[in-house]
Protein backbone atom coordinates (compact mmCIF):
# COMPACT_ATOMS: atom_id res chain seq x y z
CA UNK A 1 21.20 -15.49 15.15
CA UNK A 2 21.39 -17.89 12.21
CA UNK A 3 24.28 -18.00 9.79
CA UNK A 4 23.04 -14.74 8.35
CA UNK A 5 24.35 -12.86 11.47
CA UNK A 6 27.84 -12.53 9.97
CA UNK A 7 26.37 -10.98 6.78
CA UNK A 8 23.95 -8.71 8.54
CA UNK A 9 25.43 -5.46 7.09
CA UNK A 10 25.36 -6.76 3.58
CA UNK A 11 21.63 -7.80 3.97
CA UNK A 12 20.75 -4.45 5.33
CA UNK A 13 22.61 -2.73 2.48
CA UNK A 14 20.59 -4.69 -0.08
CA UNK A 15 17.37 -4.00 1.78
CA UNK A 16 18.01 -0.18 2.12
CA UNK A 17 19.00 0.09 -1.57
CA UNK A 18 15.95 -1.86 -2.48
CA UNK A 19 13.59 0.40 -0.39
CA UNK A 20 14.67 3.45 -2.27
CA UNK A 21 13.77 2.08 -5.76
CA UNK A 22 10.42 2.36 -7.59
CA UNK A 23 8.33 -0.84 -7.08
CA UNK A 24 9.08 -2.17 -10.60
CA UNK A 25 12.78 -2.10 -10.03
CA UNK A 26 12.83 -3.62 -6.56
CA UNK A 27 14.42 -6.95 -5.91
CA UNK A 28 12.31 -9.83 -4.54
CA UNK A 29 13.61 -11.40 -1.42
CA UNK A 30 14.57 -14.52 -3.45
CA UNK A 31 16.73 -12.37 -5.75
CA UNK A 32 18.40 -10.65 -2.83
CA UNK A 33 19.13 -14.19 -1.43
CA UNK A 34 20.68 -15.17 -4.82
CA UNK A 35 22.79 -12.04 -4.75
CA UNK A 36 24.01 -12.83 -1.19
CA UNK A 37 24.76 -16.38 -2.14
CA UNK A 38 26.96 -15.04 -5.00
CA UNK A 39 28.88 -12.94 -2.40
CA UNK A 40 29.50 -16.06 -0.33
CA UNK A 41 26.67 -15.91 2.31
CA UNK A 42 25.81 -19.51 3.35
CA UNK A 43 22.52 -18.67 5.22
CA UNK A 44 19.24 -20.26 4.12
CA UNK A 45 16.59 -18.45 2.06
CA UNK A 46 14.13 -18.78 5.03
CA UNK A 47 16.61 -16.99 7.35
CA UNK A 48 17.01 -14.16 4.80
CA UNK A 49 13.24 -13.91 4.33
CA UNK A 50 12.64 -13.81 8.14
CA UNK A 51 15.34 -11.18 8.62
CA UNK A 52 13.95 -9.00 5.73
CA UNK A 53 10.43 -9.20 7.15
CA UNK A 54 11.69 -8.19 10.65
CA UNK A 55 13.77 -5.40 9.14
CA UNK A 56 10.95 -3.82 7.20
CA UNK A 57 8.56 -4.23 10.21
CA UNK A 58 11.04 -2.32 12.37
CA UNK A 59 11.28 0.43 9.81
CA UNK A 60 7.68 1.37 10.34
CA UNK A 61 5.81 3.49 7.90
CA UNK A 62 4.30 1.98 4.72
CA UNK A 63 2.85 3.94 1.89
CA UNK A 64 -0.60 2.93 0.95
CA UNK A 65 -2.68 4.15 -1.98
CA UNK A 66 -6.24 4.98 -1.09
CA UNK A 67 -9.32 5.88 -3.05
CA UNK A 68 -11.15 9.01 -2.01
CA UNK A 69 -14.84 9.64 -2.58
CA UNK A 70 -16.03 13.28 -2.43
CA UNK A 71 -19.54 14.35 -2.77
CA UNK A 72 -20.47 17.98 -3.12
CA UNK A 73 -23.92 19.51 -3.13
CA UNK A 74 -24.63 21.70 -6.25
CA UNK A 75 -26.46 24.52 -4.50
CA UNK A 76 -24.72 24.98 -1.10
CA UNK A 77 -21.39 23.48 -2.23
CA UNK A 78 -21.29 21.56 1.04
CA UNK A 79 -18.69 18.72 0.77
CA UNK A 80 -18.33 15.22 2.09
CA UNK A 81 -15.16 13.14 1.73
CA UNK A 82 -14.25 9.57 2.62
CA UNK A 83 -11.28 7.44 1.94
CA UNK A 84 -11.37 3.63 0.98
CA UNK A 85 -8.67 1.03 0.56
CA UNK A 86 -9.97 -0.11 -2.87
CA UNK A 87 -12.29 0.97 -5.53
CA UNK A 88 -15.32 -1.36 -5.74
CA UNK A 89 -19.02 -1.33 -6.10
CA UNK A 90 -19.40 -1.76 -2.37
CA UNK A 91 -17.37 1.39 -1.94
CA UNK A 92 -19.77 3.35 -4.11
CA UNK A 93 -22.86 2.05 -2.28
CA UNK A 94 -21.22 2.73 1.14
CA UNK A 95 -20.03 6.28 0.14
CA UNK A 96 -23.59 7.12 -1.09
CA UNK A 97 -25.05 5.79 2.20
CA UNK A 98 -22.61 7.74 4.34
CA UNK A 99 -22.95 10.91 2.28
CA UNK A 100 -26.75 10.88 2.37
CA UNK A 101 -26.57 10.31 6.17
CA UNK A 102 -24.25 13.22 6.49
CA UNK A 103 -26.42 15.58 4.40
CA UNK A 104 -29.57 14.30 6.22
CA UNK A 105 -31.28 13.38 2.93
CA UNK A 106 -30.74 12.66 -0.75
CA UNK A 107 -30.23 14.84 -3.80
CA UNK A 108 -32.66 15.17 -6.65
CA UNK A 109 -29.95 15.04 -9.21
CA UNK A 110 -26.47 13.57 -9.33
CA UNK A 111 -23.54 14.22 -11.52
CA UNK A 112 -20.81 11.57 -11.66
CA UNK A 113 -17.32 12.34 -13.01
CA UNK A 114 -15.05 9.57 -14.30
CA UNK A 115 -16.42 6.76 -12.20
CA UNK A 116 -15.36 3.40 -13.56
CA UNK A 117 -16.88 1.26 -10.84
CA UNK A 118 -20.45 2.35 -11.58
CA UNK A 119 -20.25 1.58 -15.34
């Protein structure tokens, strides 16, 4: 373990406190490093960065925002839903393709609600 081994509990305390904060209030790893230097930790930034990366990887779950497309037929109310990582034109084209394949055909009329990617 590099020189950060002696300050492991303080590093973990910073990382755990940082994890509970909203994203705008979280400290960057360099800011955590500066705080640790102020407390007397003599480890390098790279060692702190590697430890923080391993710590977050060991913690597991990561929250990810997804965009969900849902298509519903007007007459039968049959629904199709699919999730995507980002909202793009390719997502719109792929969602239409998958929905039409699922419904075994296309609709004669489409109503779109609040779709910025098509505009």
